[in-house]
């Protein structure tokens, strides 16, 4: 009887161990059996009605979580512990996630709507052949300004240093964006890693300090829309949203050039619902869905079929769909490596402390 009891205990323990190992395997390889889908995205970066539509069409319950920087998103996914089925990082972050083996390859056979994407937004250097990502939005970084609060026209990054803007400039809270602005103003690459150039950029940023009213996150949109500052360093899509709330404002991409960024949809390696993730990514590339999302969010769509559905005042606005002569002056962020990214953040922190 004791032998039978011991055997029973051994069988139970073995069964529990197998269940645990199976669960871990499903997590590491992407388990497809869940009826929920956890999406990790930037704040204010999707039309909520589309999440409802996706849930109604698929029966999949969406759990929506947000982040405010690529660095925060990377840290969360690198640490594990939280399972995300779809994330929407930027170009250089996708490159880093590929290197760290944090992504599952996409099954293109489950993404028929990929055909709607403009070919110029496919097969880019951060993800050759779109093995791991599908385009979501793209845009630039520039200056929103208020002609009622300043007489400047903002053709150059240097205009932000104009003494007339004392305590009247807002900056988005991002090391790459702020350092890139200063590097571009010096006619250096925003991917520059030469220490002398980085120190020169930091020194120039410190000269901007008297003009800087605040360095903020998403609240930059509200502050600019409410005439709390004359100018602000913002993403192009945020500029579109701000301008829709305050028609006095305008947006410009400075003549020295700026960042051309891409945000793509990816499936983290710890995804619990890979099948649902593919359904969501394909859903977001539907032309009608992509057009509705672009109108709501205000960012530029890479979906050529969706672009044809947008009103002319949106699709023909060269501030957000710039002509070729301007795009030649735009630059994509490179993945500079962990050590250099830490250094960029340290330099940015020195500037913030100087404030």
Protein backbone atom coordinates (compact mmCIF):
# COMPACT_ATOMS: atom_id res chain seq x y z
CA UNK A 1 0.00 0.00 0.00
CA UNK A 2 2.87 2.35 0.83
CA UNK A 3 4.51 1.48 -2.50
CA UNK A 4 1.31 2.33 -4.37
CA UNK A 5 1.02 5.63 -2.48
CA UNK A 6 4.61 6.51 -3.29
CA UNK A 7 4.06 5.65 -6.94
CA UNK A 8 0.91 7.79 -6.99
CA UNK A 9 2.84 10.74 -5.54
CA UNK A 10 5.63 10.27 -8.10
CA UNK A 11 3.08 10.23 -10.94
CA UNK A 12 1.38 13.39 -9.65
CA UNK A 13 4.70 15.23 -9.27
CA UNK A 14 5.80 14.14 -12.74
CA UNK A 15 2.51 15.28 -14.22
CA UNK A 16 2.79 18.67 -12.55
CA UNK A 17 6.36 19.03 -13.77
CA UNK A 18 5.31 18.23 -17.34
CA UNK A 19 2.49 20.76 -17.13
CA UNK A 20 4.94 23.41 -15.91
CA UNK A 21 7.43 22.65 -18.68
CA UNK A 22 4.67 22.73 -21.27
CA UNK A 23 3.54 26.10 -20.01
CA UNK A 24 7.08 27.47 -20.19
CA UNK A 25 7.47 26.08 -23.71
CA UNK A 26 4.26 27.74 -24.79
CA UNK A 27 5.45 31.05 -23.38
CA UNK A 28 8.85 30.87 -25.05
CA UNK A 29 7.57 29.77 -28.46
CA UNK A 30 4.29 31.66 -28.56
CA UNK A 31 1.16 29.86 -27.41
CA UNK A 32 -1.89 30.34 -29.63
CA UNK A 33 -4.66 29.02 -27.42
CA UNK A 34 -5.68 32.19 -25.57
CA UNK A 35 -8.86 34.11 -26.33
CA UNK A 36 -7.39 37.39 -25.10
CA UNK A 37 -4.90 39.63 -26.85
CA UNK A 38 -2.58 41.96 -24.93
CA UNK A 39 -1.43 44.94 -26.98
CA UNK A 40 1.47 47.17 -25.90
CA UNK A 41 1.39 50.53 -27.66
CA UNK A 42 2.18 54.23 -27.31
CA UNK A 43 -0.38 56.42 -25.56
CA UNK A 44 -3.13 57.96 -27.77
CA UNK A 45 -1.92 55.88 -30.71
CA UNK A 46 -5.01 54.01 -31.91
CA UNK A 47 -8.68 54.73 -32.50
CA UNK A 48 -10.46 52.99 -29.56
CA UNK A 49 -13.41 52.22 -31.86
CA UNK A 50 -11.12 49.96 -33.87
CA UNK A 51 -10.32 47.90 -30.79
CA UNK A 52 -14.06 47.42 -30.27
CA UNK A 53 -14.50 46.51 -33.93
CA UNK A 54 -11.69 43.94 -33.76
CA UNK A 55 -13.22 42.36 -30.65
CA UNK A 56 -16.64 42.12 -32.31
CA UNK A 57 -15.25 40.63 -35.52
CA UNK A 58 -13.00 38.04 -33.87
CA UNK A 59 -14.47 37.40 -30.42
CA UNK A 60 -11.00 38.05 -28.98
CA UNK A 61 -10.88 40.20 -25.84
CA UNK A 62 -8.31 43.00 -26.10
CA UNK A 63 -6.20 44.09 -23.14
CA UNK A 64 -4.56 47.40 -24.01
CA UNK A 65 -1.47 48.74 -22.22
CA UNK A 66 0.70 51.75 -23.07
CA UNK A 67 4.31 52.95 -22.80
CA UNK A 68 5.81 56.41 -23.26
CA UNK A 69 9.23 55.59 -24.73
CA UNK A 70 10.98 52.84 -26.66
CA UNK A 71 13.38 52.47 -23.76
CA UNK A 72 10.55 51.83 -21.29
CA UNK A 73 9.00 49.31 -23.68
CA UNK A 74 12.31 47.49 -24.18
CA UNK A 75 12.98 47.29 -20.45
CA UNK A 76 9.55 45.82 -19.76
CA UNK A 77 9.87 43.16 -22.47
CA UNK A 78 13.49 42.35 -21.60
CA UNK A 79 12.57 41.83 -17.95
CA UNK A 80 9.76 39.42 -18.83
CA UNK A 81 7.04 38.63 -16.34
CA UNK A 82 4.37 40.36 -18.45
CA UNK A 83 3.14 38.74 -21.63
CA UNK A 84 2.44 40.97 -24.62
CA UNK A 85 1.02 39.57 -27.85
CA UNK A 86 1.55 42.64 -30.03
CA UNK A 87 3.90 45.57 -29.45
CA UNK A 88 4.47 48.68 -31.59
CA UNK A 89 8.09 49.84 -31.21
CA UNK A 90 10.10 52.18 -33.41
CA UNK A 91 12.69 51.24 -36.00
CA UNK A 92 15.89 51.24 -33.92
CA UNK A 93 14.10 49.43 -31.07
CA UNK A 94 12.99 46.70 -33.49
CA UNK A 95 16.60 46.28 -34.58
CA UNK A 96 17.64 45.89 -30.95
CA UNK A 97 14.84 43.40 -30.24
CA UNK A 98 15.93 41.33 -33.24
CA UNK A 99 19.50 41.25 -31.94
CA UNK A 100 18.33 40.17 -28.49
CA UNK A 101 16.08 37.44 -29.89
CA UNK A 102 12.97 39.01 -28.35
CA UNK A 103 10.70 38.62 -31.40
CA UNK A 104 8.84 35.87 -33.21
CA UNK A 105 9.02 35.85 -37.02
CA UNK A 106 5.80 36.82 -38.76
CA UNK A 107 3.88 34.29 -40.86
CA UNK A 108 3.26 36.32 -44.02
CA UNK A 109 0.69 33.81 -45.22
CA UNK A 110 -1.53 35.07 -42.39
CA UNK A 111 -1.01 38.72 -43.37
CA UNK A 112 -2.66 39.11 -46.80
CA UNK A 113 -3.18 42.83 -46.15
CA UNK A 114 0.59 43.36 -46.21
CA UNK A 115 0.07 43.85 -49.95
CA UNK A 116 -1.54 47.22 -49.18
CA UNK A 117 1.69 48.69 -47.80
CA UNK A 118 3.66 51.08 -49.99
CA UNK A 119 6.79 49.12 -51.07
CA UNK A 120 9.01 52.04 -49.99
CA UNK A 121 8.08 51.23 -46.38
CA UNK A 122 9.01 47.55 -46.67
CA UNK A 123 12.35 45.74 -46.46
CA UNK A 124 14.04 48.54 -44.53
CA UNK A 125 17.41 48.16 -42.84
CA UNK A 126 16.05 47.65 -39.32
CA UNK A 127 14.03 44.60 -40.46
CA UNK A 128 15.06 43.13 -43.83
CA UNK A 129 12.18 41.45 -45.68
CA UNK A 130 9.89 42.41 -42.79
CA UNK A 131 10.67 39.12 -41.15
CA UNK A 132 9.63 40.43 -37.72
CA UNK A 133 7.51 43.53 -38.26
CA UNK A 134 4.69 45.10 -40.27
CA UNK A 135 4.37 48.89 -40.81
CA UNK A 136 1.96 50.85 -38.60
CA UNK A 137 2.75 54.59 -38.88
CA UNK A 138 5.63 56.81 -39.94
CA UNK A 139 6.53 60.43 -39.51
CA UNK A 140 9.08 63.08 -38.66
CA UNK A 141 10.19 65.24 -35.75
CA UNK A 142 9.80 69.00 -36.05
CA UNK A 143 8.62 72.23 -34.47
CA UNK A 144 5.07 73.31 -33.67
CA UNK A 145 4.90 77.07 -33.24
CA UNK A 146 2.29 79.67 -32.41
CA UNK A 147 2.38 82.77 -34.66
CA UNK A 148 0.35 84.67 -32.06
CA UNK A 149 3.14 84.20 -29.51
CA UNK A 150 6.20 84.61 -31.75
CA UNK A 151 7.13 86.36 -35.00
CA UNK A 152 9.62 83.64 -35.92
CA UNK A 153 8.85 81.43 -38.94
CA UNK A 154 11.06 78.50 -37.87
CA UNK A 155 12.97 77.57 -41.00
CA UNK A 156 15.94 76.31 -38.96
CA UNK A 157 16.54 74.41 -35.72
CA UNK A 158 18.58 77.44 -34.65
CA UNK A 159 15.37 79.46 -34.39
CA UNK A 160 14.63 77.65 -31.11
CA UNK A 161 17.74 79.33 -29.64
CA UNK A 162 16.44 82.81 -30.47
CA UNK A 163 16.53 84.99 -27.31
CA UNK A 164 12.95 86.15 -27.98
CA UNK A 165 11.78 82.65 -26.95
CA UNK A 166 13.02 82.88 -23.37
CA UNK A 167 11.01 80.45 -21.19
CA UNK A 168 8.74 79.74 -24.16
CA UNK A 169 9.95 76.44 -25.64
CA UNK A 170 8.71 72.93 -24.78
CA UNK A 171 10.77 69.82 -25.51
CA UNK A 172 9.56 66.24 -25.75
CA UNK A 173 11.18 64.04 -23.12
CA UNK A 174 13.35 61.88 -25.39
CA UNK A 175 17.14 61.60 -25.50
CA UNK A 176 17.36 60.70 -29.19
CA UNK A 177 14.96 63.47 -30.21
CA UNK A 178 16.59 66.26 -28.20
CA UNK A 179 20.18 65.20 -28.87
CA UNK A 180 19.26 64.65 -32.52
CA UNK A 181 17.82 68.17 -32.75
CA UNK A 182 21.07 69.65 -31.45
CA UNK A 183 23.24 67.44 -33.66
CA UNK A 184 21.18 68.35 -36.74
CA UNK A 185 21.44 72.05 -35.88
CA UNK A 186 25.23 71.61 -36.02
CA UNK A 187 24.89 69.78 -39.37
CA UNK A 188 25.92 66.47 -37.82
CA UNK A 189 24.14 63.16 -38.22
CA UNK A 190 21.54 62.41 -35.54
CA UNK A 191 23.28 59.02 -35.33
CA UNK A 192 26.65 60.62 -34.59
CA UNK A 193 28.83 58.77 -32.08
CA UNK A 194 31.96 60.97 -32.16
CA UNK A 195 32.53 62.16 -28.62
CA UNK A 196 33.66 65.62 -29.69
CA UNK A 197 30.44 66.10 -31.67
CA UNK A 198 28.28 64.79 -28.82
CA UNK A 199 29.93 67.16 -26.37
CA UNK A 200 29.44 70.02 -28.82
CA UNK A 201 25.76 69.11 -29.09
CA UNK A 202 25.44 69.02 -25.28
CA UNK A 203 27.13 72.40 -24.97
CA UNK A 204 24.71 73.87 -27.49
CA UNK A 205 21.74 72.35 -25.63
CA UNK A 206 22.91 74.02 -22.44
CA UNK A 207 22.76 77.35 -24.31
CA UNK A 208 19.10 76.56 -25.03
CA UNK A 209 18.29 76.27 -21.31
CA UNK A 210 17.00 79.85 -20.82
CA UNK A 211 14.41 79.25 -23.53
CA UNK A 212 13.19 75.89 -22.21
CA UNK A 213 9.99 76.15 -20.23
CA UNK A 214 9.65 72.40 -19.63
CA UNK A 215 10.72 68.97 -20.84
CA UNK A 216 7.57 66.84 -20.88
CA UNK A 217 5.87 63.72 -22.24
CA UNK A 218 2.39 63.44 -23.74
CA UNK A 219 1.26 66.60 -21.93
CA UNK A 220 3.23 68.63 -24.48
CA UNK A 221 0.17 68.38 -26.75
CA UNK A 222 -2.18 69.94 -24.22
CA UNK A 223 0.29 72.67 -23.27
CA UNK A 224 0.88 73.78 -26.85
CA UNK A 225 -2.80 73.58 -27.76
CA UNK A 226 -3.60 75.79 -24.74
CA UNK A 227 -1.07 78.46 -25.80
CA UNK A 228 1.21 77.70 -22.84
CA UNK A 229 4.35 78.06 -25.00
CA UNK A 230 5.33 79.63 -28.30
CA UNK A 231 7.09 76.56 -29.74
CA UNK A 232 7.68 72.89 -29.09
CA UNK A 233 9.75 69.95 -30.32
CA UNK A 234 7.20 67.29 -31.26
CA UNK A 235 6.49 64.25 -33.41
CA UNK A 236 4.59 65.04 -36.61
CA UNK A 237 1.50 63.10 -35.59
CA UNK A 238 1.32 64.94 -32.29
CA UNK A 239 1.61 68.16 -34.28
CA UNK A 240 -1.42 67.15 -36.36
CA UNK A 241 -3.44 66.49 -33.21
CA UNK A 242 -2.36 69.75 -31.58
CA UNK A 243 -3.22 71.75 -34.69
CA UNK A 244 -6.67 70.18 -34.89
CA UNK A 245 -7.33 71.62 -31.41
CA UNK A 246 -5.77 75.02 -32.06
CA UNK A 247 -5.94 76.31 -35.64
CA UNK A 248 -3.50 79.14 -34.88
CA UNK A 249 -0.59 76.68 -34.70
CA UNK A 250 1.66 75.50 -37.52
CA UNK A 251 4.27 72.76 -37.98
CA UNK A 252 7.58 72.79 -39.80
CA UNK A 253 10.42 70.36 -40.48
CA UNK A 254 13.62 72.47 -40.18
CA UNK A 255 15.81 72.85 -43.24
CA UNK A 256 18.85 71.06 -41.72
CA UNK A 257 16.85 67.82 -41.66
CA UNK A 258 15.43 65.63 -38.93
CA UNK A 259 14.44 62.12 -37.97
CA UNK A 260 12.36 59.94 -40.28
CA UNK A 261 10.88 57.31 -37.99
CA UNK A 262 8.83 54.17 -38.46
CA UNK A 263 6.66 52.40 -35.90
CA UNK A 264 5.91 48.79 -36.77
CA UNK A 265 3.83 46.00 -35.27
CA UNK A 266 5.75 43.04 -33.84
CA UNK A 267 5.02 39.84 -31.91
CA UNK A 268 7.21 39.44 -28.80
CA UNK A 269 8.66 36.00 -28.28
CA UNK A 270 6.69 35.57 -25.05
CA UNK A 271 3.34 36.09 -26.83
CA UNK A 272 0.49 33.95 -25.48
CA UNK A 273 -1.76 34.35 -28.54
CA UNK A 274 0.27 34.25 -31.75
CA UNK A 275 -2.76 33.43 -33.90
CA UNK A 276 -4.68 36.39 -32.49
CA UNK A 277 -1.63 38.62 -32.93
CA UNK A 278 -1.53 37.84 -36.64
CA UNK A 279 -5.26 38.54 -36.91
CA UNK A 280 -4.80 41.92 -35.25
CA UNK A 281 -1.81 42.93 -37.38
CA UNK A 282 -3.67 41.96 -40.55
CA UNK A 283 -6.78 43.81 -39.34
CA UNK A 284 -4.79 47.02 -38.82
CA UNK A 285 -3.49 46.83 -42.41
CA UNK A 286 -7.02 46.68 -43.84
CA UNK A 287 -7.32 49.87 -45.97
CA UNK A 288 -10.53 51.12 -44.33
CA UNK A 289 -9.18 50.40 -40.85
CA UNK A 290 -5.81 52.01 -41.57
CA UNK A 291 -7.48 55.12 -43.04
CA UNK A 292 -9.77 55.50 -40.02
CA UNK A 293 -6.82 55.06 -37.68
CA UNK A 294 -4.73 57.65 -39.56
CA UNK A 295 -7.56 60.21 -39.41
CA UNK A 296 -8.03 59.61 -35.68
CA UNK A 297 -4.37 59.55 -34.62
CA UNK A 298 -3.05 62.12 -37.09
CA UNK A 299 0.09 60.25 -38.08
CA UNK A 300 1.14 59.35 -41.62
CA UNK A 301 0.03 55.97 -42.90
CA UNK A 302 2.38 53.68 -44.85
CA UNK A 303 -0.72 51.94 -46.25
CA UNK A 304 -0.99 53.00 -49.90
CA UNK A 305 -4.54 51.68 -50.25
CA UNK A 306 -5.58 53.58 -47.10
CA UNK A 307 -3.91 56.79 -48.31
CA UNK A 308 -6.22 56.79 -51.33
CA UNK A 309 -9.22 56.79 -48.97
CA UNK A 310 -8.10 59.82 -46.95
CA UNK A 311 -9.43 63.33 -47.65
CA UNK A 312 -7.21 65.46 -49.89
CA UNK A 313 -6.54 67.95 -47.12
CA UNK A 314 -4.80 65.13 -45.23
CA UNK A 315 -3.11 63.10 -47.97
CA UNK A 316 -1.98 66.26 -49.78
CA UNK A 317 -0.54 68.03 -46.72
CA UNK A 318 3.20 68.21 -47.36
CA UNK A 319 3.92 68.88 -43.69
CA UNK A 320 2.96 65.27 -42.98
CA UNK A 321 3.47 63.65 -46.39
CA UNK A 322 6.63 65.56 -47.40
CA UNK A 323 7.88 65.81 -51.01
CA UNK A 324 10.99 64.03 -52.23
CA UNK A 325 13.31 67.04 -51.88
CA UNK A 326 12.58 67.14 -48.15
CA UNK A 327 12.68 63.39 -47.53
CA UNK A 328 16.25 63.33 -48.84
CA UNK A 329 17.21 65.38 -45.76
CA UNK A 330 15.54 62.98 -43.33
CA UNK A 331 17.44 60.30 -41.43
CA UNK A 332 16.35 57.08 -39.76
CA UNK A 333 17.63 56.36 -36.24
CA UNK A 334 20.29 53.65 -36.21
CA UNK A 335 20.55 51.15 -33.39
CA UNK A 336 23.66 52.66 -31.77
CA UNK A 337 24.13 49.80 -29.35
CA UNK A 338 23.41 49.63 -25.65
CA UNK A 339 26.59 51.40 -24.53
CA UNK A 340 26.06 54.39 -26.82
CA UNK A 341 22.34 54.64 -26.00
CA UNK A 342 23.24 54.78 -22.32
CA UNK A 343 25.71 57.54 -23.14
CA UNK A 344 23.05 59.50 -25.06
CA UNK A 345 20.76 59.20 -22.04
CA UNK A 346 23.53 60.37 -19.71
CA UNK A 347 24.18 63.44 -21.87
CA UNK A 348 20.46 64.17 -22.03
CA UNK A 349 20.26 63.89 -18.24
CA UNK A 350 23.11 66.39 -17.90
CA UNK A 351 21.11 68.82 -20.03
CA UNK A 352 17.96 68.25 -17.97
CA UNK A 353 19.88 68.81 -14.73
CA UNK A 354 21.24 72.03 -16.23
CA UNK A 355 17.62 73.12 -16.64
